Amino acid sequence: MDGEITGHREIVFDTETTGFDAWGDDRITEVGAIELIDLLPTGRSFHTYCHPDRDISEKVTQITGITIKMLEEVGAPRFPAIAQKFLDFIGDSPLIAHNADFDRNFVNAEMERAGFERLPAKRFIDTLKIAREKFPGSPASLDALCKRFGISLAGRVNHGAVIDSELLADVYLELKGGRAHKLDFGAAKAVEIAGRPAAAQRPAPLASLLSNSETAAHADFVAKLGEGAIWNKYG
């Protein structure tokens, strides 16, 4: 990996495939992955289409939007040509996927065909299992979790490896405790919320705009309320 990594690094990733038979005739058609440091995306990502050397059914195309013609037009490589690049990107970081067994089986089947070792199961974190444990009996699909957490699906026309990885990164953050998990209210630096820095505290409070008579009237009013008045606690 280039540069020094500080914080806990994880990779959220997704694959699109021609079907469900990872160790049989089906193949990966797309891989998308994004880097997280301490649960938040860094902006670094990996994406590639892959030519499966077989047909893609119309039913699968309706879900992913991927056709053989499209893959040929963009010059999509075969998986062996991108295997090392994918391994270089993920490094030794934990791998987060929704229904991780599915993606792990496809990646490992493709890796094995390309002459690489399989990735160990212990590296994978399955957000589907986390969601089912956290919300037993509730729908746990990626779409359902996005709706539960108020994550917009507006930009998602088809299932795609990159957009699904981005959505899953938001879902994973919520499953780990939400954005409040990342706030350090004791920190001296301003916390950025919605892309804007929090207002800095004034070095000295502003002078009161009350007149002397108004201040005296307020003090008289508080005195009549007794010792339990809230102003006696925060005044």
Protein backbone atom coordinates (compact mmCIF):
# COMPACT_ATOMS: atom_id res chain seq x y z
CA MET A 1 0.00 0.00 0.00
CA ASP A 2 1.23 3.50 -0.80
CA GLY A 3 1.56 5.95 2.08
CA GLU A 4 1.21 5.41 5.80
CA ILE A 5 -2.19 4.21 7.01
CA THR A 6 -3.31 5.46 10.41
CA GLY A 7 -6.47 4.15 12.03
CA HIS A 8 -8.33 0.89 11.48
CA ARG A 9 -8.52 0.02 7.76
CA GLU A 10 -11.34 -2.07 6.32
CA ILE A 11 -12.56 -2.77 2.78
CA VAL A 12 -16.23 -2.79 1.83
CA PHE A 13 -16.77 -4.65 -1.42
CA ASP A 14 -19.37 -6.18 -3.70
CA THR A 15 -19.43 -8.38 -6.79
CA GLU A 16 -21.84 -8.81 -9.65
CA THR A 17 -21.98 -12.22 -11.28
CA THR A 18 -23.64 -14.23 -14.04
CA GLY A 19 -25.53 -16.35 -11.49
CA PHE A 20 -25.22 -18.21 -8.20
CA ASP A 21 -22.91 -21.16 -8.98
CA ALA A 22 -19.50 -19.83 -7.93
CA TRP A 23 -17.67 -23.14 -8.26
CA GLY A 24 -19.48 -24.14 -11.44
CA ASP A 25 -20.18 -22.22 -14.63
CA ASP A 26 -20.94 -18.77 -13.24
CA ARG A 27 -18.36 -15.98 -13.18
CA ILE A 28 -17.79 -12.49 -11.77
CA THR A 29 -18.74 -9.63 -14.09
CA GLU A 30 -17.93 -6.67 -11.82
CA VAL A 31 -15.95 -5.94 -8.65
CA GLY A 32 -16.24 -2.75 -6.61
CA ALA A 33 -14.49 -1.93 -3.34
CA ILE A 34 -13.97 1.14 -1.18
CA GLU A 35 -11.53 1.83 1.62
CA LEU A 36 -12.67 2.71 5.13
CA ILE A 37 -10.50 4.14 7.89
CA ASP A 38 -12.16 4.07 11.30
CA LEU A 39 -15.51 3.25 9.62
CA LEU A 40 -15.45 6.24 7.24
CA PRO A 41 -14.73 6.18 3.46
CA THR A 42 -11.39 7.72 2.51
CA GLY A 43 -12.18 8.25 -1.17
CA ARG A 44 -9.88 5.43 -2.32
CA SER A 45 -11.66 2.78 -4.33
CA PHE A 46 -11.21 -0.13 -6.72
CA HIS A 47 -13.49 -0.95 -9.61
CA THR A 48 -13.39 -3.17 -12.65
CA TYR A 49 -15.70 -5.02 -14.98
CA CYS A 50 -14.74 -8.59 -15.86
CA HIS A 51 -15.52 -10.52 -19.03
CA PRO A 52 -17.01 -13.88 -17.94
CA ASP A 53 -16.38 -15.75 -21.23
CA ARG A 54 -19.95 -16.96 -21.15
CA ASP A 55 -23.43 -15.60 -21.72
CA ILE A 56 -25.33 -13.40 -19.28
CA SER A 57 -29.02 -14.18 -18.93
CA GLU A 58 -31.64 -11.52 -19.57
CA LYS A 59 -32.87 -11.96 -15.99
CA VAL A 60 -29.41 -11.14 -14.59
CA THR A 61 -29.06 -8.18 -16.96
CA GLN A 62 -32.34 -6.76 -15.65
CA ILE A 63 -30.80 -6.73 -12.17
CA THR A 64 -27.25 -5.55 -12.95
CA GLY A 65 -27.59 -3.78 -16.28
CA ILE A 66 -24.55 -5.70 -17.52
CA THR A 67 -24.49 -7.38 -20.93
CA ILE A 68 -21.75 -9.16 -22.86
CA LYS A 69 -21.94 -6.45 -25.52
CA MET A 70 -21.35 -3.75 -22.90
CA LEU A 71 -18.38 -5.63 -21.43
CA GLU A 72 -16.85 -6.03 -24.88
CA GLU A 73 -17.40 -2.37 -25.72
CA VAL A 74 -15.55 -1.22 -22.58
CA GLY A 75 -12.79 -3.78 -23.11
CA ALA A 76 -13.45 -5.57 -19.82
CA PRO A 77 -10.49 -7.81 -18.84
CA ARG A 78 -10.75 -11.41 -17.68
CA PHE A 79 -10.47 -11.92 -13.92
CA PRO A 80 -6.89 -13.29 -13.98
CA ALA A 81 -5.74 -9.95 -15.40
CA ILE A 82 -7.12 -7.99 -12.42
CA ALA A 83 -6.62 -10.51 -9.60
CA GLN A 84 -3.29 -9.11 -8.39
CA LYS A 85 -4.55 -5.52 -8.60
CA PHE A 86 -7.50 -6.46 -6.39
CA LEU A 87 -5.21 -8.20 -3.91
CA ASP A 88 -2.91 -5.17 -3.83
CA PHE A 89 -5.86 -2.89 -3.06
CA ILE A 90 -7.37 -4.96 -0.26
CA GLY A 91 -4.01 -5.74 1.34
CA ASP A 92 -4.49 -7.62 4.60
CA SER A 93 -7.53 -5.58 5.68
CA PRO A 94 -10.82 -7.13 6.85
CA LEU A 95 -13.35 -7.51 4.02
CA ILE A 96 -16.94 -6.39 4.55
CA ALA A 97 -19.74 -7.69 2.33
CA HIS A 98 -23.48 -8.22 2.52
CA ASN A 99 -24.13 -11.96 2.43
CA ALA A 100 -20.36 -12.36 2.51
CA ASP A 101 -20.37 -16.11 1.81
CA PHE A 102 -21.68 -15.41 -1.68
CA ASP A 103 -18.98 -12.87 -2.55
CA ARG A 104 -16.25 -14.87 -0.81
CA ASN A 105 -17.09 -18.00 -2.79
CA PHE A 106 -17.02 -16.14 -6.10
CA VAL A 107 -13.77 -14.29 -5.33
CA ASN A 108 -12.09 -17.47 -4.13
CA ALA A 109 -13.29 -19.50 -7.10
CA GLU A 110 -11.94 -16.86 -9.47
CA MET A 111 -8.68 -16.56 -7.51
CA GLU A 112 -8.15 -20.29 -7.61
CA ARG A 113 -8.76 -20.45 -11.35
CA ALA A 114 -6.25 -17.61 -11.77
CA GLY A 115 -3.60 -19.49 -9.75
CA PHE A 116 -3.90 -17.54 -6.48
CA GLU A 117 -4.63 -18.75 -2.95
CA ARG A 118 -8.10 -18.49 -1.51
CA LEU A 119 -8.85 -15.67 0.95
CA PRO A 120 -9.54 -17.11 4.43
CA ALA A 121 -13.11 -16.96 5.73
CA LYS A 122 -11.95 -15.25 8.95
CA ARG A 123 -11.12 -12.09 6.99
CA PHE A 124 -14.76 -11.55 6.00
CA ILE A 125 -17.34 -9.55 7.96
CA ASP A 126 -20.93 -10.27 6.96
CA THR A 127 -23.28 -7.31 7.42
CA LEU A 128 -26.26 -9.56 6.68
CA LYS A 129 -25.47 -11.65 9.76
CA ILE A 130 -24.87 -8.53 11.85
CA ALA A 131 -28.22 -7.07 10.78
CA ARG A 132 -30.12 -10.30 11.52
CA GLU A 133 -28.59 -10.45 14.99
CA LYS A 134 -29.30 -6.77 15.64
CA PHE A 135 -32.85 -6.78 14.21
CA PRO A 136 -34.16 -10.36 14.52
CA GLY A 137 -37.23 -11.06 12.42
CA SER A 138 -36.88 -7.85 10.38
CA PRO A 139 -35.96 -7.63 6.67
CA ALA A 140 -32.19 -7.53 6.34
CA SER A 141 -31.57 -6.98 2.63
CA LEU A 142 -29.35 -4.04 1.66
CA ASP A 143 -32.40 -2.16 0.40
CA ALA A 144 -34.31 -2.79 3.64
CA LEU A 145 -31.39 -1.63 5.78
CA CYS A 146 -30.97 1.52 3.71
CA LYS A 147 -34.63 2.32 4.31
CA ARG A 148 -34.30 1.57 8.03
CA PHE A 149 -31.36 3.95 8.39
CA GLY A 150 -32.70 6.65 6.05
CA ILE A 151 -29.96 6.09 3.44
CA SER A 152 -31.05 7.35 0.03
CA LEU A 153 -31.37 4.86 -2.83
CA ALA A 154 -32.09 7.61 -5.34
CA GLY A 155 -28.86 7.14 -7.29
CA ARG A 156 -29.28 3.39 -7.66
CA VAL A 157 -30.93 2.31 -10.92
CA ASN A 158 -29.42 -1.18 -11.07
CA HIS A 159 -27.47 -3.31 -8.65
CA GLY A 160 -23.85 -2.30 -9.22
CA ALA A 161 -20.69 -3.23 -7.36
CA VAL A 162 -19.60 0.36 -6.70
CA ILE A 163 -22.95 1.89 -5.72
CA ASP A 164 -23.76 -1.14 -3.55
CA SER A 165 -20.37 -0.85 -1.83
CA GLU A 166 -21.03 2.83 -1.11
CA LEU A 167 -24.48 2.05 0.30
CA LEU A 168 -23.07 -0.81 2.34
CA ALA A 169 -20.40 1.45 3.81
CA ASP A 170 -23.18 3.73 5.13
CA VAL A 171 -25.13 0.72 6.43
CA TYR A 172 -22.04 -0.73 8.11
CA LEU A 173 -21.40 2.56 9.90
CA GLU A 174 -24.98 2.57 11.20
CA LEU A 175 -24.73 -1.08 12.29
CA LYS A 176 -21.60 -0.17 14.25
CA GLY A 177 -23.38 2.61 16.11
CA GLY A 178 -24.02 5.37 13.62
CA ARG A 179 -22.22 8.64 13.08
CA ALA A 180 -22.36 9.43 16.80
CA HIS A 181 -19.82 6.61 17.15
CA LYS A 182 -17.29 8.91 15.47
CA LEU A 183 -17.93 12.09 17.44
CA ASP A 184 -15.43 13.01 20.15
CA PHE A 185 -17.05 15.78 22.14
CA GLY A 186 -13.93 16.19 24.29
CA ALA A 187 -11.71 16.96 21.30
CA ALA A 188 -10.33 20.46 20.93
CA LYS A 189 -10.73 20.49 17.16
CA ALA A 190 -14.07 21.31 15.51
CA VAL A 191 -16.14 18.36 14.39
CA GLU A 192 -17.35 18.47 10.81
CA ILE A 193 -21.04 17.78 10.43
CA ALA A 194 -22.63 17.57 7.00
CA GLY A 195 -19.40 18.87 5.48
CA ARG A 196 -19.30 22.06 7.58
CA PRO A 197 -17.00 22.68 10.57
CA ALA A 198 -18.66 23.32 13.91
CA ALA A 199 -18.53 26.96 15.01
CA ALA A 200 -15.51 27.79 17.11
CA GLN A 201 -16.11 28.91 20.70
CA ARG A 202 -15.59 32.63 21.32
CA PRO A 203 -12.50 33.44 23.40
CA ALA A 204 -14.63 35.85 25.47
CA PRO A 205 -18.43 36.04 25.79
CA LEU A 206 -20.30 38.92 24.18
CA ALA A 207 -21.35 41.75 26.45
CA SER A 208 -24.95 41.63 27.63
CA LEU A 209 -27.46 43.70 25.65
CA LEU A 210 -29.72 44.12 28.72
CA SER A 211 -29.98 47.54 30.42
CA ASN A 212 -29.30 47.88 34.15
CA SER A 213 -33.03 48.20 34.87
CA GLU A 214 -33.80 45.04 32.86
CA THR A 215 -31.08 43.11 34.66
CA ALA A 216 -32.42 44.23 38.05
CA ALA A 217 -35.99 43.31 37.08
CA HIS A 218 -34.87 39.83 36.02
CA ALA A 219 -32.95 39.30 39.28
CA ASP A 220 -36.06 40.33 41.26
CA PHE A 221 -38.19 37.88 39.22
CA VAL A 222 -35.77 34.98 39.84
CA ALA A 223 -35.63 35.74 43.58
CA LYS A 224 -39.41 35.37 43.79
CA LEU A 225 -39.19 31.87 42.21
CA GLY A 226 -37.10 30.55 45.09
CA GLU A 227 -33.92 28.44 45.25
CA GLY A 228 -35.28 25.81 42.83
CA ALA A 229 -35.34 28.20 39.86
CA ILE A 230 -33.39 26.90 36.87
CA TRP A 231 -31.56 30.23 36.53
CA ASN A 232 -29.89 29.56 39.89
CA LYS A 233 -28.28 26.45 38.36
CA TYR A 234 -27.11 27.88 35.04
CA GLY A 235 -26.95 31.61 35.66
